Amino acid sequence: MAMQSARQRFLSIVRESEKRRFLTSQQVIDRDNKYGGIHFKPLPVVLTRGEGVFVWDIEGKRYLDFLAGFSTVNQGHCHPRLVKVMREQAGKLAHTSRAFYTEPHGELGEYLTKLLKWDRFLPMNTGVEAGDTAIKIARRWGYRVKKVQSNKATVVFANGNFWGRSIAALSSSSDPNLYTDFGPYVPLFERVPYNDVVALEQMFKNDPNIVAFMVEPIQGEGGVVVPTDGYLKRVRELCTKYNVLWIVDEVQTGLCRTGTRLAVDHEGVKPDILVLGKALSGGMYPVSGVLANDEIMLCLETGSHGSTFGGSPLGNRVALEAVKILEEENLAENAKKLGKILREELSKLPKEIVTEFRGRGLLAGLVINKEYAEGWDICLKLRDAGLLSRPAHGQIIRISPPLTITEEQLREGIDILTTVLKNYK
């Protein structure tokens, strides 16, 4: 009797498992909405598999991915080299914390510092952690090197910035959706208009306690806002003139997305602190980090910073392979070449439908005329036609496919985009 009861329980578990395997998309969505948080609104599609530039939903429908995890999967979904490395490292040594030395930590640091021309690399996990680390380093430098009075160090950010949703990140935000009812906020975070060097210099002149200016070379979440030519070069000059550290947030733009290795490379300038994330991970395992030279990075002495998972053997090994893929497959050049086609073709859309094309390389945004259609509704139509994206600020359709995309695949996506937009009404 006991054996029969155990068998019945086992069969019940199997039946429940089988039921879960064959849930419909709507059942999966309903389960998420019942048991998960409501702080994010996913596009209603349930994805189960990805390869290269394509993803498949639970019913087996194939889509072109024109979001790439917000520019994370630059190497394409499940790149064979990344899958191989992750399996090998996970089966060898996945985690130790930084309590001990491991080979992948120094290997990644050496590769990145030599490739990007900095002295040191400090690995973290997520983009917001890396941004927070950069600010910590800048404040410490301000007190130890610039000799700012204790607790007076000020950090300046650009309006429209986005570097995450931590308390520090939202304290720097100009978006009420991010900061409303989350106060009190981090003090001595100031903002200045983006792409306005006159306002920036005035702020530098007025406050000798400014230790850093943190800015995105292209504002991604802010709507794919590209500054005027010469802005970044002038920012470099002003930060040098007023002894302010220039922190560049390349979490979204970095590592080949805009047609060069870094977005700042378009103007041939170098920040004091570089923040990386997203594509550093290849979408396989959260990896981010900060690059800086000795005078700045060594302000963090033993015990002043740390992370349980930051710098793990698994994360470092994956990140090293992710960057090597970008370099060895010439994905910056591919982004540059295909970005020109993207701009050329989508700029042909009628102004009554698309009021503006923004972007550089394979990071772009189409500003949809609100009188013509809502951005969310356009994304639903694109989903039905086999292409996935999401709107920014309601009306800007993001375009950031994996950098492994071919011209044929890009033109397929462009055809879907133009057909949907022209035939919406």
Protein backbone atom coordinates (compact mmCIF):
# COMPACT_ATOMS: atom_id res chain seq x y z
CA MET A 1 0.00 0.00 0.00
CA ALA A 2 2.83 2.35 0.90
CA MET A 3 4.61 1.41 -2.34
CA GLN A 4 1.43 2.14 -4.34
CA SER A 5 1.03 5.46 -2.57
CA ALA A 6 4.63 6.40 -3.40
CA ARG A 7 4.08 5.40 -7.03
CA GLN A 8 0.94 7.51 -7.19
CA ARG A 9 2.84 10.49 -5.82
CA PHE A 10 5.59 9.95 -8.38
CA LEU A 11 3.08 9.77 -11.25
CA SER A 12 1.37 12.88 -9.96
CA ILE A 13 4.68 14.74 -10.02
CA VAL A 14 5.39 13.50 -13.57
CA ARG A 15 1.93 14.57 -14.76
CA GLU A 16 2.39 18.01 -13.20
CA SER A 17 5.82 18.30 -14.85
CA GLU A 18 4.33 17.31 -18.23
CA LYS A 19 1.59 19.92 -17.84
CA ARG A 20 4.16 22.61 -17.13
CA ARG A 21 6.15 21.63 -20.22
CA PHE A 22 3.18 22.30 -22.48
CA LEU A 23 1.86 25.58 -21.13
CA THR A 24 0.63 28.04 -23.72
CA SER A 25 2.15 31.49 -24.01
CA GLN A 26 -0.84 33.01 -22.27
CA GLN A 27 -0.60 30.53 -19.39
CA VAL A 28 3.07 31.44 -18.90
CA ILE A 29 2.23 35.15 -19.02
CA ASP A 30 -0.63 34.70 -16.54
CA ARG A 31 1.65 32.80 -14.15
CA ASP A 32 4.26 35.55 -14.33
CA ASN A 33 1.66 38.21 -13.68
CA LYS A 34 0.31 36.29 -10.69
CA TYR A 35 3.58 35.44 -8.96
CA GLY A 36 6.08 38.04 -10.15
CA GLY A 37 6.56 41.75 -9.61
CA ILE A 38 4.76 44.26 -11.84
CA HIS A 39 7.64 46.75 -12.04
CA PHE A 40 8.33 45.84 -15.67
CA LYS A 41 5.95 45.37 -18.60
CA PRO A 42 7.27 42.68 -20.97
CA LEU A 43 6.11 42.51 -24.55
CA PRO A 44 3.59 39.61 -24.62
CA VAL A 45 5.74 36.92 -26.19
CA VAL A 46 7.26 33.93 -24.38
CA LEU A 47 10.73 33.03 -25.64
CA THR A 48 12.26 29.60 -25.17
CA ARG A 49 15.26 29.41 -27.51
CA GLY A 50 17.78 31.65 -29.25
CA GLU A 51 20.45 31.21 -31.89
CA GLY A 52 22.40 33.99 -33.57
CA VAL A 53 19.99 36.80 -34.45
CA PHE A 54 16.88 34.66 -34.02
CA VAL A 55 14.69 33.66 -31.07
CA TRP A 56 11.74 31.27 -30.92
CA ASP A 57 8.61 31.44 -28.79
CA ILE A 58 6.94 28.62 -26.90
CA GLU A 59 4.75 27.78 -29.89
CA GLY A 60 7.76 27.53 -32.17
CA LYS A 61 7.40 30.84 -34.05
CA ARG A 62 10.71 32.41 -35.12
CA TYR A 63 11.54 36.10 -34.64
CA LEU A 64 14.34 38.44 -35.62
CA ASP A 65 15.69 39.90 -32.39
CA PHE A 66 16.18 43.64 -32.88
CA LEU A 67 16.77 44.33 -29.18
CA ALA A 68 19.57 41.87 -28.28
CA GLY A 69 18.85 42.13 -24.58
CA PHE A 70 19.29 45.93 -24.70
CA SER A 71 22.62 45.58 -26.56
CA THR A 72 23.83 42.72 -24.39
CA VAL A 73 23.88 39.84 -26.86
CA ASN A 74 26.25 41.56 -29.30
CA GLN A 75 27.82 38.17 -30.08
CA GLY A 76 24.43 36.66 -30.97
CA HIS A 77 22.32 34.28 -28.91
CA CYS A 78 24.14 31.22 -27.58
CA HIS A 79 27.34 31.78 -29.53
CA PRO A 80 28.97 28.31 -29.73
CA ARG A 81 32.28 29.58 -28.35
CA LEU A 82 30.56 31.13 -25.33
CA VAL A 83 28.47 28.05 -24.68
CA LYS A 84 31.59 25.87 -24.83
CA VAL A 85 33.60 28.11 -22.49
CA MET A 86 30.76 28.44 -20.01
CA ARG A 87 30.24 24.66 -19.87
CA GLU A 88 33.94 24.01 -19.44
CA GLN A 89 34.45 26.58 -16.70
CA ALA A 90 31.22 25.70 -14.87
CA GLY A 91 32.41 22.10 -14.73
CA LYS A 92 35.87 23.10 -13.55
CA LEU A 93 35.52 25.99 -11.07
CA ALA A 94 32.53 28.36 -11.02
CA HIS A 95 32.94 30.42 -7.86
CA THR A 96 35.42 31.13 -5.09
CA SER A 97 34.78 34.82 -4.28
CA ARG A 98 37.81 37.11 -4.34
CA ALA A 99 39.03 35.47 -1.13
CA PHE A 100 41.49 33.57 -3.33
CA TYR A 101 43.38 34.01 -6.60
CA THR A 102 42.09 32.32 -9.74
CA GLU A 103 43.59 32.27 -13.23
CA PRO A 104 40.67 33.84 -15.17
CA HIS A 105 40.70 37.04 -13.07
CA GLY A 106 44.16 38.21 -14.09
CA GLU A 107 43.73 36.79 -17.59
CA LEU A 108 40.69 38.99 -18.25
CA GLY A 109 42.31 42.01 -16.61
CA GLU A 110 45.46 41.67 -18.71
CA TYR A 111 43.53 41.25 -21.95
CA LEU A 112 41.18 44.21 -21.39
CA THR A 113 43.82 46.63 -20.11
CA LYS A 114 46.12 45.91 -23.05
CA LEU A 115 43.26 46.09 -25.55
CA LEU A 116 41.72 49.30 -24.20
CA LYS A 117 44.91 50.98 -22.88
CA TRP A 118 44.29 51.36 -19.15
CA ASP A 119 46.36 50.16 -16.21
CA ARG A 120 43.72 48.19 -14.31
CA PHE A 121 40.33 46.50 -14.60
CA LEU A 122 37.98 45.99 -11.64
CA PRO A 123 35.24 43.42 -12.42
CA MET A 124 31.71 43.59 -11.03
CA ASN A 125 28.41 41.95 -12.00
CA THR A 126 25.83 44.41 -13.35
CA GLY A 127 26.04 47.74 -15.11
CA VAL A 128 24.60 49.64 -12.17
CA GLU A 129 27.18 48.08 -9.83
CA ALA A 130 29.97 49.16 -12.15
CA GLY A 131 28.54 52.69 -12.30
CA ASP A 132 28.32 52.81 -8.53
CA THR A 133 31.91 51.56 -8.28
CA ALA A 134 33.10 54.30 -10.65
CA ILE A 135 31.47 56.94 -8.44
CA LYS A 136 33.03 55.45 -5.31
CA ILE A 137 36.45 55.56 -6.94
CA ALA A 138 35.91 59.16 -8.09
CA ARG A 139 34.85 60.32 -4.63
CA ARG A 140 37.81 58.59 -3.00
CA TRP A 141 40.13 60.20 -5.58
CA GLY A 142 38.52 63.55 -4.86
CA TYR A 143 39.41 63.32 -1.18
CA ARG A 144 42.80 61.61 -1.52
CA VAL A 145 44.19 63.32 -4.63
CA LYS A 146 42.21 66.47 -5.40
CA LYS A 147 41.97 67.23 -1.66
CA VAL A 148 38.27 68.10 -1.60
CA GLN A 149 36.97 68.75 1.92
CA SER A 150 35.49 65.66 3.59
CA ASN A 151 31.88 64.87 2.58
CA LYS A 152 31.80 67.69 0.01
CA ALA A 153 32.62 65.71 -3.16
CA THR A 154 30.08 66.47 -5.90
CA VAL A 155 29.38 64.32 -8.96
CA VAL A 156 27.70 65.77 -12.04
CA PHE A 157 25.44 63.84 -14.42
CA ALA A 158 23.63 64.76 -17.63
CA ASN A 159 19.89 65.22 -17.81
CA GLY A 160 18.32 62.20 -19.48
CA ASN A 161 20.96 59.85 -18.09
CA PHE A 162 20.21 56.22 -17.30
CA TRP A 163 22.64 53.87 -15.61
CA GLY A 164 20.29 51.67 -13.60
CA ARG A 165 17.69 51.72 -10.87
CA SER A 166 19.63 51.57 -7.61
CA ILE A 167 19.15 54.35 -5.06
CA ALA A 168 22.32 56.03 -6.31
CA ALA A 169 21.29 55.74 -9.97
CA LEU A 170 17.80 57.12 -9.44
CA SER A 171 19.25 59.93 -7.32
CA SER A 172 21.02 61.16 -10.45
CA SER A 173 17.99 60.75 -12.72
CA SER A 174 15.84 63.44 -14.30
CA ASP A 175 13.04 60.93 -15.02
CA PRO A 176 10.15 61.07 -12.48
CA ASN A 177 9.28 57.44 -13.28
CA LEU A 178 12.62 56.43 -11.81
CA TYR A 179 12.90 58.62 -8.71
CA THR A 180 9.36 59.44 -7.50
CA ASP A 181 8.71 58.26 -3.92
CA PHE A 182 12.10 56.62 -3.52
CA GLY A 183 13.75 59.41 -1.53
CA PRO A 184 15.68 60.54 0.36
CA TYR A 185 18.27 60.71 -2.39
CA VAL A 186 22.05 60.57 -2.48
CA PRO A 187 23.34 64.10 -1.78
CA LEU A 188 25.70 66.15 -3.95
CA PHE A 189 24.54 64.61 -7.21
CA GLU A 190 24.02 67.48 -9.65
CA ARG A 191 22.70 67.54 -13.20
CA VAL A 192 23.51 69.55 -16.29
CA PRO A 193 21.86 69.56 -19.75
CA TYR A 194 23.18 66.86 -22.08
CA ASN A 195 25.20 68.03 -25.07
CA ASP A 196 25.74 71.48 -23.52
CA VAL A 197 29.41 72.24 -22.85
CA VAL A 198 28.70 75.86 -21.93
CA ALA A 199 26.47 74.81 -19.04
CA LEU A 200 29.00 72.17 -18.04
CA GLU A 201 31.88 74.64 -17.86
CA GLN A 202 29.78 77.07 -15.87
CA MET A 203 29.05 74.35 -13.33
CA PHE A 204 32.73 73.44 -13.12
CA LYS A 205 33.64 77.10 -12.55
CA ASN A 206 31.06 77.53 -9.81
CA ASP A 207 31.87 74.45 -7.74
CA PRO A 208 35.49 73.49 -6.93
CA ASN A 209 34.20 70.39 -5.10
CA ILE A 210 33.15 68.63 -8.31
CA VAL A 211 35.17 65.44 -8.56
CA ALA A 212 33.56 63.75 -11.58
CA PHE A 213 31.28 64.13 -14.57
CA MET A 214 29.55 60.87 -15.55
CA VAL A 215 27.97 60.73 -19.01
CA GLU A 216 26.91 58.34 -21.76
CA PRO A 217 28.50 59.03 -25.17
CA ILE A 218 25.07 58.20 -26.62
CA GLN A 219 22.04 58.19 -24.33
CA GLY A 220 20.49 54.79 -24.99
CA GLU A 221 17.57 54.46 -22.59
CA GLY A 222 17.12 58.22 -22.88
CA GLY A 223 16.00 57.73 -26.47
CA VAL A 224 19.16 57.01 -28.50
CA VAL A 225 20.28 60.63 -28.24
CA VAL A 226 23.51 61.26 -30.15
CA PRO A 227 25.42 64.43 -29.15
CA THR A 228 26.76 66.86 -31.71
CA ASP A 229 30.20 66.22 -33.15
CA GLY A 230 32.87 67.67 -30.92
CA TYR A 231 30.88 67.40 -27.68
CA LEU A 232 32.92 64.53 -26.26
CA LYS A 233 36.20 66.17 -27.22
CA ARG A 234 35.18 69.39 -25.46
CA VAL A 235 34.08 67.43 -22.37
CA ARG A 236 37.55 65.87 -22.24
CA GLU A 237 39.16 69.32 -22.44
CA LEU A 238 36.95 70.78 -19.70
CA CYS A 239 37.48 67.86 -17.31
CA THR A 240 41.23 68.18 -17.76
CA LYS A 241 41.13 71.97 -17.32
CA TYR A 242 39.13 71.85 -14.08
CA ASN A 243 40.73 68.69 -12.64
CA VAL A 244 37.50 66.69 -12.80
CA LEU A 245 37.43 62.96 -13.54
CA TRP A 246 35.54 62.09 -16.68
CA ILE A 247 33.52 58.89 -16.21
CA VAL A 248 32.14 57.47 -19.44
CA ASP A 249 29.24 55.04 -19.13
CA GLU A 250 29.64 52.65 -22.07
CA VAL A 251 27.53 49.87 -20.58
CA GLN A 252 25.21 49.99 -23.61
CA THR A 253 27.36 51.64 -26.28
CA GLY A 254 30.62 49.86 -25.53
CA LEU A 255 32.28 46.95 -27.28
CA CYS A 256 31.53 47.45 -30.99
CA ARG A 257 27.86 48.46 -30.85
CA THR A 258 28.27 51.87 -32.52
CA GLY A 259 30.74 50.83 -35.22
CA THR A 260 33.89 51.34 -33.16
CA ARG A 261 35.21 49.41 -30.18
CA LEU A 262 34.02 52.19 -27.86
CA ALA A 263 31.64 55.03 -28.67
CA VAL A 264 34.22 57.60 -27.50
CA ASP A 265 36.50 56.31 -30.25
CA HIS A 266 34.40 58.23 -32.78
CA GLU A 267 36.04 61.40 -31.44
CA GLY A 268 39.38 59.88 -30.51
CA VAL A 269 39.12 60.76 -26.82
CA LYS A 270 39.73 58.80 -23.64
CA PRO A 271 37.95 59.18 -20.29
CA ASP A 272 39.55 58.83 -16.87
CA ILE A 273 37.21 56.00 -15.89
CA LEU A 274 35.43 53.67 -18.31
CA VAL A 275 32.36 51.68 -17.28
CA LEU A 276 31.50 48.50 -19.19
CA GLY A 277 28.75 45.89 -18.91
CA LYS A 278 26.09 44.19 -21.04
CA ALA A 279 28.10 42.93 -24.07
CA LEU A 280 31.04 42.17 -21.79
CA SER A 281 28.95 39.20 -20.68
CA GLY A 282 27.84 38.01 -24.11
CA GLY A 283 24.44 37.56 -22.45
CA MET A 284 25.69 34.39 -20.74
CA TYR A 285 26.48 35.51 -17.19
CA PRO A 286 26.32 38.97 -15.55
CA VAL A 287 29.69 40.71 -15.94
CA SER A 288 30.55 44.40 -15.75
CA GLY A 289 33.54 46.42 -14.69
CA VAL A 290 35.56 49.60 -14.47
CA LEU A 291 38.83 50.52 -16.16
CA ALA A 292 41.16 53.26 -14.89
CA ASN A 293 44.84 54.03 -14.44
CA ASP A 294 46.84 53.47 -11.27
CA GLU A 295 46.53 56.96 -9.80
CA ILE A 296 42.75 56.58 -9.79
CA MET A 297 42.11 52.87 -9.31
CA LEU A 298 44.59 52.46 -6.44
CA CYS A 299 42.57 54.91 -4.34
CA LEU A 300 40.55 51.81 -3.44
CA GLU A 301 42.86 50.07 -1.01
CA THR A 302 42.29 46.67 0.59
CA GLY A 303 38.90 46.38 2.28
CA SER A 304 37.33 49.49 0.74
CA HIS A 305 35.38 47.65 -1.96
CA GLY A 306 34.27 44.14 -2.87
CA SER A 307 31.64 41.84 -4.34
CA THR A 308 30.78 38.22 -3.65
CA PHE A 309 30.34 37.32 -7.31
CA GLY A 310 32.30 40.14 -8.97
CA GLY A 311 35.42 38.67 -10.56
CA SER A 312 34.26 35.06 -10.32
CA PRO A 313 36.14 32.47 -12.44
CA LEU A 314 33.00 31.76 -14.44
CA GLY A 315 32.22 35.41 -15.11
CA ASN A 316 35.79 36.29 -16.04
CA ARG A 317 36.21 33.34 -18.36
CA VAL A 318 32.96 34.11 -20.17
CA ALA A 319 33.82 37.81 -20.46
CA LEU A 320 37.25 37.08 -21.91
CA GLU A 321 35.74 34.89 -24.62
CA ALA A 322 32.96 37.41 -25.25
CA VAL A 323 35.44 40.20 -26.02
CA LYS A 324 37.66 37.93 -28.09
CA ILE A 325 34.66 37.03 -30.26
CA LEU A 326 33.90 40.71 -30.85
CA GLU A 327 37.49 41.34 -31.85
CA GLU A 328 38.16 38.22 -33.91
CA GLU A 329 34.88 38.36 -35.82
CA ASN A 330 35.33 42.08 -36.61
CA LEU A 331 31.92 42.95 -35.23
CA ALA A 332 32.67 46.66 -34.90
CA GLU A 333 33.29 46.81 -38.64
CA ASN A 334 30.07 44.87 -39.26
CA ALA A 335 28.14 47.34 -37.09
CA LYS A 336 29.68 50.25 -38.97
CA LYS A 337 28.92 48.83 -42.42
CA LEU A 338 25.38 47.68 -41.67
CA GLY A 339 24.64 50.81 -39.64
CA LYS A 340 25.06 52.86 -42.80
CA ILE A 341 22.53 50.65 -44.62
CA LEU A 342 20.14 50.90 -41.68
CA ARG A 343 20.29 54.69 -41.65
CA GLU A 344 20.03 54.98 -45.43
CA GLU A 345 16.97 52.74 -45.70
CA LEU A 346 15.01 53.88 -42.65
CA SER A 347 15.62 57.57 -43.38
CA LYS A 348 13.41 57.05 -46.44
CA LEU A 349 10.30 56.56 -44.29
CA PRO A 350 7.71 59.36 -44.60
CA LYS A 351 7.98 62.12 -41.97
CA GLU A 352 4.30 61.76 -41.12
CA ILE A 353 5.16 58.26 -39.85
CA VAL A 354 8.74 58.60 -38.55
CA THR A 355 9.76 62.08 -37.48
CA GLU A 356 13.42 61.25 -36.86
CA PHE A 357 16.05 58.55 -37.21
CA ARG A 358 18.66 58.56 -34.45
CA GLY A 359 21.69 56.43 -33.99
CA ARG A 360 25.18 55.32 -34.80
CA GLY A 361 26.26 51.90 -36.01
CA LEU A 362 23.73 49.29 -34.93
CA LEU A 363 22.32 51.35 -32.08
CA ALA A 364 19.38 53.26 -33.48
CA GLY A 365 15.96 54.63 -32.67
CA LEU A 366 12.96 55.52 -34.84
CA VAL A 367 10.86 58.35 -33.43
CA ILE A 368 7.25 57.51 -34.32
CA ASN A 369 4.80 60.34 -34.90
CA LYS A 370 2.39 60.04 -31.98
CA GLU A 371 -0.49 61.19 -34.16
CA TYR A 372 0.19 58.24 -36.44
CA ALA A 373 0.61 55.44 -33.88
CA GLU A 374 1.65 54.53 -30.35
CA GLY A 375 5.09 53.00 -30.04
CA TRP A 376 3.81 50.04 -28.00
CA ASP A 377 1.19 49.24 -30.64
CA ILE A 378 3.85 49.32 -33.35
CA CYS A 379 5.96 46.84 -31.35
CA LEU A 380 2.96 44.51 -31.08
CA LYS A 381 2.51 44.65 -34.85
CA LEU A 382 6.22 44.01 -35.36
CA ARG A 383 5.95 40.98 -33.06
CA ASP A 384 3.10 39.62 -35.16
CA ALA A 385 5.25 40.11 -38.27
CA GLY A 386 8.22 38.29 -36.74
CA LEU A 387 10.45 41.04 -35.33
CA LEU A 388 11.00 41.92 -31.67
CA SER A 389 11.79 45.33 -30.21
CA ARG A 390 10.53 47.67 -27.49
CA PRO A 391 9.80 51.39 -27.33
CA ALA A 392 11.79 53.92 -25.33
CA HIS A 393 9.92 56.91 -23.94
CA GLY A 394 6.74 55.65 -25.54
CA GLN A 395 7.46 56.61 -29.15
CA ILE A 396 11.02 55.56 -29.99
CA ILE A 397 11.40 52.11 -31.52
CA ARG A 398 14.79 50.74 -30.54
CA ILE A 399 16.95 48.97 -33.09
CA SER A 400 19.93 47.08 -31.67
CA PRO A 401 20.22 43.59 -33.21
CA PRO A 402 23.08 41.23 -32.42
CA LEU A 403 26.23 42.44 -34.16
CA THR A 404 26.57 39.07 -35.89
CA ILE A 405 23.64 39.98 -38.13
CA THR A 406 24.21 39.66 -41.87
CA GLU A 407 23.18 42.18 -44.50
CA GLU A 408 20.48 39.77 -45.70
CA GLN A 409 19.06 39.42 -42.19
CA LEU A 410 19.24 43.17 -41.62
CA ARG A 411 17.35 43.84 -44.84
CA GLU A 412 14.74 41.28 -43.79
CA GLY A 413 14.27 43.24 -40.58
CA ILE A 414 14.17 46.56 -42.41
CA ASP A 415 11.50 45.15 -44.72
CA ILE A 416 9.40 44.07 -41.74
CA LEU A 417 9.82 47.47 -40.09
CA THR A 418 8.91 49.49 -43.17
CA THR A 419 5.98 47.24 -44.10
CA VAL A 420 4.48 47.39 -40.62
CA LEU A 421 4.96 51.16 -40.33
CA LYS A 422 3.52 51.96 -43.75
CA ASN A 423 0.53 49.67 -43.32
CA TYR A 424 -0.31 50.37 -39.69
CA LYS A 425 -3.52 52.23 -40.45
